[in-house]
Structure formats: structure tokens, C-alpha cells
Amino acid sequence: MEFATYRRTTEPFDGRYALPGVLLLEGERLEAAGRRALQTKTGLTTSTIGQLVLFDEPSRDPRGATLSATLWAVADADSPTVAWRPIADPGTLAFDHAEIVSFCQPMIAGLLWNDVPFTRALMGERFTVGDALSVTTALGGDMPDRGNLNKKLATVPGLRHAGFGPGRGRPSLWEWPAES
């Protein structure tokens, strides 16, 4: 599982990679600012976005005290201005962004299978239990038991078992019904 960064072109941290962010405009909602940050900093767009947590450490920005609202988003496409990084190893980033990613990783893992818009955007309309195992492992770090994961999937609102796929072991297929 990866997250998007971009190369900063202004101080502080000119030339360093950072999470996309913008200043909140007067009257602007966080979701709109998040979409604007993705578009202007990375060229990415998203149809699904949500809020995670607020960071308020007074010394996190050398320019002065700032708040950072972290949002999750599932990008609809790729962009040449994005540097994708593994969520499990964010590396060195500007400001406190590596710490933000590390802090938010378990929160994002907790959204999987529990937050329908996030799960649906991440997994797509149809997927195998093997796909579910891969994503669960990438976000949470541990490989879940296939049978237990199938039981968990059966409890996700709106998700339904769609039979079995081809191939060795005939993996379970899962799908979301068409939205009306």
C-alpha cells in the first residue's frame, strides 16, 4: 500500500518530499481543501475522501504554530508529479510528515472492512479474497487467516459473496451491488 508525496518548491524544506497540503481558505471545508491539495500539488483527483486526525504540535512547522488535518483519499489515476511511498516505510519527509504517516497507518488499517466508502474505493467493485488478503496485510502488517477474513467480509454492509473465481483453489469473489 502506498501514499502520494510531492517535491516542495518553496522554503521551508525546498526540494524535499512532503504530503500534499494547502492552507484552508476562508469558508472552505476540509474535504474541499483536501481535494484542492491533491489536485494542485500532485495532479491527482479523488472521488472518495475522509478525515482522520488533527496534528497540533506547536513546533511542527519552522514558520510557526500550525494545525494539520490529515485526510485519506483513494486516487482515481496516477500523475507524473507524484512520488509514491510505501505506507509501512515513509522514509524521510519534510516537516513531521513521516511521523504523521506512521501515526495514521493503524487508523487507515482500521478503516478497512469497517468504513464502507473507504473499503469500496480501495478495493473496487469486485475483488477476490486473495486481493483482500494482500490489502489487509499491506495495511496491517500481518497476514490474516483466509477463512476468518471471508467471515469478516460477510459482515461488511453492502458487500456480497459473488461465487468463486477460476484458478487453483477457486478463490471467493466479493462484489458491491450496483449503486442506484
C-alpha atoms as a PDB file:
ATOM      1  CA  MET A   1       0.000   0.000   0.000  1.00  0.00           C
ATOM      2  CA  GLU A   2       1.388   3.382  -0.965  1.00  0.00           C
ATOM      3  CA  PHE A   3       0.739   7.058  -0.348  1.00  0.00           C
ATOM      4  CA  ALA A   4       1.417  10.107  -2.510  1.00  0.00           C
ATOM      5  CA  THR A   5       4.108  12.714  -1.891  1.00  0.00           C
ATOM      6  CA  TYR A   6       5.323  15.630  -3.971  1.00  0.00           C
ATOM      7  CA  ARG A   7       8.580  17.596  -4.125  1.00  0.00           C
ATOM      8  CA  ARG A   8       8.294  21.001  -2.414  1.00  0.00           C
ATOM      9  CA  THR A   9       9.338  24.050  -4.433  1.00  0.00           C
ATOM     10  CA  THR A  10       9.401  26.613  -1.596  1.00  0.00           C
ATOM     11  CA  GLU A  11      11.029  27.030   1.781  1.00  0.00           C
ATOM     12  CA  PRO A  12      10.984  25.576   4.287  1.00  0.00           C
ATOM     13  CA  PHE A  13      12.221  22.210   3.043  1.00  0.00           C
ATOM     14  CA  ASP A  14      12.598  23.280  -0.599  1.00  0.00           C
ATOM     15  CA  GLY A  15      13.294  20.184  -2.710  1.00  0.00           C
ATOM     16  CA  ARG A  16      12.168  17.703  -0.026  1.00  0.00           C
ATOM     17  CA  TYR A  17       9.205  15.389  -0.416  1.00  0.00           C
ATOM     18  CA  ALA A  18       6.081  16.095   1.623  1.00  0.00           C
ATOM     19  CA  LEU A  19       2.459  15.153   1.937  1.00  0.00           C
ATOM     20  CA  PRO A  20       0.250  17.379  -0.232  1.00  0.00           C
ATOM     21  CA  GLY A  21      -1.255  20.225   1.756  1.00  0.00           C
ATOM     22  CA  VAL A  22      -2.726  23.690   1.370  1.00  0.00           C
ATOM     23  CA  LEU A  23      -3.868  26.499   3.608  1.00  0.00           C
ATOM     24  CA  LEU A  24      -7.560  26.353   4.379  1.00  0.00           C
ATOM     25  CA  LEU A  25      -9.375  29.181   2.611  1.00  0.00           C
ATOM     26  CA  GLU A  26     -11.996  31.254   4.403  1.00  0.00           C
ATOM     27  CA  GLY A  27     -15.286  29.346   4.321  1.00  0.00           C
ATOM     28  CA  GLU A  28     -13.658  26.233   2.829  1.00  0.00           C
ATOM     29  CA  ARG A  29     -14.436  22.768   4.179  1.00  0.00           C
ATOM     30  CA  LEU A  30     -11.619  20.293   4.894  1.00  0.00           C
ATOM     31  CA  GLU A  31     -12.811  17.900   2.191  1.00  0.00           C
ATOM     32  CA  ALA A  32     -12.662  20.648  -0.448  1.00  0.00           C
ATOM     33  CA  ALA A  33      -9.203  21.714   0.753  1.00  0.00           C
ATOM     34  CA  GLY A  34      -8.049  18.085   0.603  1.00  0.00           C
ATOM     35  CA  ARG A  35      -9.239  17.729  -2.980  1.00  0.00           C
ATOM     36  CA  ARG A  36      -7.575  21.048  -3.851  1.00  0.00           C
ATOM     37  CA  ALA A  37      -4.298  19.918  -2.231  1.00  0.00           C
ATOM     38  CA  LEU A  38      -4.286  16.686  -4.218  1.00  0.00           C
ATOM     39  CA  GLN A  39      -5.044  18.449  -7.476  1.00  0.00           C
ATOM     40  CA  THR A  40      -2.667  21.406  -7.131  1.00  0.00           C
ATOM     41  CA  LYS A  41       0.278  19.602  -5.529  1.00  0.00           C
ATOM     42  CA  THR A  42       0.114  16.218  -7.250  1.00  0.00           C
ATOM     43  CA  GLY A  43      -2.327  16.413 -10.162  1.00  0.00           C
ATOM     44  CA  LEU A  44      -4.376  13.590  -8.620  1.00  0.00           C
ATOM     45  CA  THR A  45      -8.139  13.539  -8.301  1.00  0.00           C
ATOM     46  CA  THR A  46     -10.326  11.512  -5.988  1.00  0.00           C
ATOM     47  CA  SER A  47     -13.984  10.671  -5.686  1.00  0.00           C
ATOM     48  CA  THR A  48     -13.633   9.415  -2.123  1.00  0.00           C
ATOM     49  CA  ILE A  49     -12.000  11.276   0.750  1.00  0.00           C
ATOM     50  CA  GLY A  50     -12.326  11.307   4.540  1.00  0.00           C
ATOM     51  CA  GLN A  51     -10.828  12.862   7.648  1.00  0.00           C
ATOM     52  CA  LEU A  52      -8.503  11.047  10.026  1.00  0.00           C
ATOM     53  CA  VAL A  53      -6.968  13.206  12.777  1.00  0.00           C
ATOM     54  CA  LEU A  54      -5.656  16.670  13.587  1.00  0.00           C
ATOM     55  CA  PHE A  55      -1.996  17.380  14.428  1.00  0.00           C
ATOM     56  CA  ASP A  56      -1.304  20.404  16.638  1.00  0.00           C
ATOM     57  CA  GLU A  57       2.297  20.153  17.870  1.00  0.00           C
ATOM     58  CA  PRO A  58       3.335  23.836  18.185  1.00  0.00           C
ATOM     59  CA  SER A  59       6.862  23.302  16.805  1.00  0.00           C
ATOM     60  CA  ARG A  60       5.954  21.096  13.833  1.00  0.00           C
ATOM     61  CA  ASP A  61       6.483  23.918  11.294  1.00  0.00           C
ATOM     62  CA  PRO A  62       9.516  26.251  11.464  1.00  0.00           C
ATOM     63  CA  ARG A  63       7.317  29.149  10.248  1.00  0.00           C
ATOM     64  CA  GLY A  64       5.176  28.989  13.389  1.00  0.00           C
ATOM     65  CA  ALA A  65       2.379  27.043  15.033  1.00  0.00           C
ATOM     66  CA  THR A  66       0.134  25.307  12.503  1.00  0.00           C
ATOM     67  CA  LEU A  67      -2.597  22.706  12.534  1.00  0.00           C
ATOM     68  CA  SER A  68      -2.654  19.839  10.057  1.00  0.00           C
ATOM     69  CA  ALA A  69      -5.818  17.900   9.396  1.00  0.00           C
ATOM     70  CA  THR A  70      -4.954  14.537   7.883  1.00  0.00           C
ATOM     71  CA  LEU A  71      -7.284  13.082   5.299  1.00  0.00           C
ATOM     72  CA  TRP A  72      -7.320   9.803   3.435  1.00  0.00           C
ATOM     73  CA  ALA A  73      -8.132   9.643  -0.262  1.00  0.00           C
ATOM     74  CA  VAL A  74      -8.104   6.975  -2.921  1.00  0.00           C
ATOM     75  CA  ALA A  75      -6.705   8.429  -6.159  1.00  0.00           C
ATOM     76  CA  ASP A  76      -8.528   7.786  -9.424  1.00  0.00           C
ATOM     77  CA  ALA A  77      -5.387   7.900 -11.568  1.00  0.00           C
ATOM     78  CA  ASP A  78      -1.637   8.402 -11.445  1.00  0.00           C
ATOM     79  CA  SER A  79       0.358  11.570 -12.071  1.00  0.00           C
ATOM     80  CA  PRO A  80       3.971  12.164 -13.139  1.00  0.00           C
ATOM     81  CA  THR A  81       4.444  14.660 -10.282  1.00  0.00           C
ATOM     82  CA  VAL A  82       3.716  12.066  -7.575  1.00  0.00           C
ATOM     83  CA  ALA A  83       6.340  10.070  -5.730  1.00  0.00           C
ATOM     84  CA  TRP A  84       4.591   7.031  -4.273  1.00  0.00           C
ATOM     85  CA  ARG A  85       5.961   5.670  -0.997  1.00  0.00           C
ATOM     86  CA  PRO A  86       5.121   2.531   0.972  1.00  0.00           C
ATOM     87  CA  ILE A  87       2.897   3.303   3.943  1.00  0.00           C
ATOM     88  CA  ALA A  88       4.930   0.916   6.100  1.00  0.00           C
ATOM     89  CA  ASP A  89       8.171   2.824   5.363  1.00  0.00           C
ATOM     90  CA  PRO A  90       7.558   6.517   4.645  1.00  0.00           C
ATOM     91  CA  GLY A  91      11.251   7.395   4.650  1.00  0.00           C
ATOM     92  CA  THR A  92      12.428  10.962   5.171  1.00  0.00           C
ATOM     93  CA  LEU A  93       9.812  13.647   4.539  1.00  0.00           C
ATOM     94  CA  ALA A  94       9.542  17.392   5.151  1.00  0.00           C
ATOM     95  CA  PHE A  95       8.147  18.700   8.431  1.00  0.00           C
ATOM     96  CA  ASP A  96       6.793  15.878  10.616  1.00  0.00           C
ATOM     97  CA  HIS A  97       5.119  14.122   7.688  1.00  0.00           C
ATOM     98  CA  ALA A  98       6.851  10.742   8.175  1.00  0.00           C
ATOM     99  CA  GLU A  99       5.601  10.690  11.772  1.00  0.00           C
ATOM    100  CA  ILE A 100       2.112  11.616  10.570  1.00  0.00           C
ATOM    101  CA  VAL A 101       2.090   8.685   8.128  1.00  0.00           C
ATOM    102  CA  SER A 102       3.317   6.271  10.810  1.00  0.00           C
ATOM    103  CA  PHE A 103       0.747   7.541  13.302  1.00  0.00           C
ATOM    104  CA  CYS A 104      -2.095   7.271  10.763  1.00  0.00           C
ATOM    105  CA  GLN A 105      -1.231   3.827   9.362  1.00  0.00           C
ATOM    106  CA  PRO A 106      -3.114   1.872  12.075  1.00  0.00           C
ATOM    107  CA  MET A 107      -6.061   4.246  11.712  1.00  0.00           C
ATOM    108  CA  ILE A 108      -6.196   3.581   7.979  1.00  0.00           C
ATOM    109  CA  ALA A 109      -5.865  -0.158   8.591  1.00  0.00           C
ATOM    110  CA  GLY A 110      -8.821   0.136  10.982  1.00  0.00           C
ATOM    111  CA  LEU A 111     -10.962   1.708   8.243  1.00  0.00           C
ATOM    112  CA  LEU A 112     -10.542  -1.325   6.003  1.00  0.00           C
ATOM    113  CA  TRP A 113     -13.655  -3.531   6.218  1.00  0.00           C
ATOM    114  CA  ASN A 114     -15.209  -1.116   8.759  1.00  0.00           C
ATOM    115  CA  ASP A 115     -15.727   2.046   6.663  1.00  0.00           C
ATOM    116  CA  VAL A 116     -17.736   1.214   3.547  1.00  0.00           C
ATOM    117  CA  PRO A 117     -16.811   4.250   1.385  1.00  0.00           C
ATOM    118  CA  PHE A 118     -13.094   3.772   2.122  1.00  0.00           C
ATOM    119  CA  THR A 119     -13.202  -0.003   1.570  1.00  0.00           C
ATOM    120  CA  ARG A 120     -15.225   0.250  -1.635  1.00  0.00           C
ATOM    121  CA  ALA A 121     -12.952   2.938  -3.101  1.00  0.00           C
ATOM    122  CA  LEU A 122      -9.817   0.991  -2.200  1.00  0.00           C
ATOM    123  CA  MET A 123     -10.964  -2.478  -3.257  1.00  0.00           C
ATOM    124  CA  GLY A 124     -13.004  -1.634  -6.342  1.00  0.00           C
ATOM    125  CA  GLU A 125     -16.347  -3.058  -7.331  1.00  0.00           C
ATOM    126  CA  ARG A 126     -15.245  -6.714  -7.478  1.00  0.00           C
ATOM    127  CA  PHE A 127     -12.285  -8.456  -5.872  1.00  0.00           C
ATOM    128  CA  THR A 128     -11.038 -11.866  -4.745  1.00  0.00           C
ATOM    129  CA  VAL A 129     -10.303 -12.946  -1.217  1.00  0.00           C
ATOM    130  CA  GLY A 130      -6.653 -13.023  -2.333  1.00  0.00           C
ATOM    131  CA  ASP A 131      -6.890  -9.305  -3.134  1.00  0.00           C
ATOM    132  CA  ALA A 132      -8.453  -8.736   0.292  1.00  0.00           C
ATOM    133  CA  LEU A 133      -5.626 -10.685   1.950  1.00  0.00           C
ATOM    134  CA  SER A 134      -2.982  -8.614   0.130  1.00  0.00           C
ATOM    135  CA  VAL A 135      -4.520  -5.258   1.071  1.00  0.00           C
ATOM    136  CA  THR A 136      -5.182  -6.303   4.672  1.00  0.00           C
ATOM    137  CA  THR A 137      -1.573  -7.456   5.022  1.00  0.00           C
ATOM    138  CA  ALA A 138      -0.181  -4.294   3.383  1.00  0.00           C
ATOM    139  CA  LEU A 139      -2.129  -2.027   5.736  1.00  0.00           C
ATOM    140  CA  GLY A 140      -1.971  -4.039   8.931  1.00  0.00           C
ATOM    141  CA  GLY A 141       1.334  -5.854   8.605  1.00  0.00           C
ATOM    142  CA  ASP A 142       0.047  -9.345   9.443  1.00  0.00           C
ATOM    143  CA  MET A 143      -1.446 -11.900   7.056  1.00  0.00           C
ATOM    144  CA  PRO A 144      -4.962 -12.745   8.278  1.00  0.00           C
ATOM    145  CA  ASP A 145      -6.424 -16.236   8.116  1.00  0.00           C
ATOM    146  CA  ARG A 146      -8.294 -16.647   4.798  1.00  0.00           C
ATOM    147  CA  GLY A 147     -11.342 -18.261   6.423  1.00  0.00           C
ATOM    148  CA  ASN A 148     -11.594 -15.601   9.120  1.00  0.00           C
ATOM    149  CA  LEU A 149     -11.235 -12.860   6.515  1.00  0.00           C
ATOM    150  CA  ASN A 150     -14.055 -14.386   4.451  1.00  0.00           C
ATOM    151  CA  LYS A 151     -16.217 -14.335   7.600  1.00  0.00           C
ATOM    152  CA  LYS A 152     -15.306 -10.677   8.175  1.00  0.00           C
ATOM    153  CA  LEU A 153     -16.143  -9.798   4.560  1.00  0.00           C
ATOM    154  CA  ALA A 154     -19.571 -11.403   5.015  1.00  0.00           C
ATOM    155  CA  THR A 155     -20.319  -8.810   7.728  1.00  0.00           C
ATOM    156  CA  VAL A 156     -19.402  -5.711   5.673  1.00  0.00           C
ATOM    157  CA  PRO A 157     -22.627  -3.826   4.885  1.00  0.00           C
ATOM    158  CA  GLY A 158     -23.478  -3.958   1.189  1.00  0.00           C
ATOM    159  CA  LEU A 159     -20.684  -6.386   0.255  1.00  0.00           C
ATOM    160  CA  ARG A 160     -21.836  -9.754  -1.044  1.00  0.00           C
ATOM    161  CA  HIS A 161     -20.253 -13.060  -1.927  1.00  0.00           C
ATOM    162  CA  ALA A 162     -20.301 -13.402  -5.730  1.00  0.00           C
ATOM    163  CA  GLY A 163     -19.305 -17.018  -6.152  1.00  0.00           C
ATOM    164  CA  PHE A 164     -15.924 -18.466  -6.924  1.00  0.00           C
ATOM    165  CA  GLY A 165     -13.291 -17.462  -9.414  1.00  0.00           C
ATOM    166  CA  PRO A 166     -11.223 -19.612 -11.724  1.00  0.00           C
ATOM    167  CA  GLY A 167      -7.866 -20.980 -10.803  1.00  0.00           C
ATOM    168  CA  ARG A 168      -6.278 -23.077  -8.139  1.00  0.00           C
ATOM    169  CA  GLY A 169      -8.445 -23.337  -5.062  1.00  0.00           C
ATOM    170  CA  ARG A 170     -11.266 -21.375  -6.758  1.00  0.00           C
ATOM    171  CA  PRO A 171     -10.938 -18.177  -4.706  1.00  0.00           C
ATOM    172  CA  SER A 172     -14.007 -16.494  -3.283  1.00  0.00           C
ATOM    173  CA  LEU A 173     -15.194 -13.459  -5.224  1.00  0.00           C
ATOM    174  CA  TRP A 174     -16.722 -10.451  -3.481  1.00  0.00           C
ATOM    175  CA  GLU A 175     -18.643  -7.553  -5.016  1.00  0.00           C
ATOM    176  CA  TRP A 176     -20.616  -4.435  -4.230  1.00  0.00           C
ATOM    177  CA  PRO A 177     -24.094  -4.251  -5.735  1.00  0.00           C
ATOM    178  CA  ALA A 178     -24.572  -1.575  -8.384  1.00  0.00           C
ATOM    179  CA  GLU A 179     -25.355   1.786  -6.801  1.00  0.00           C
ATOM    180  CA  SER A 180     -28.785   3.160  -7.541  1.00  0.00           C
END
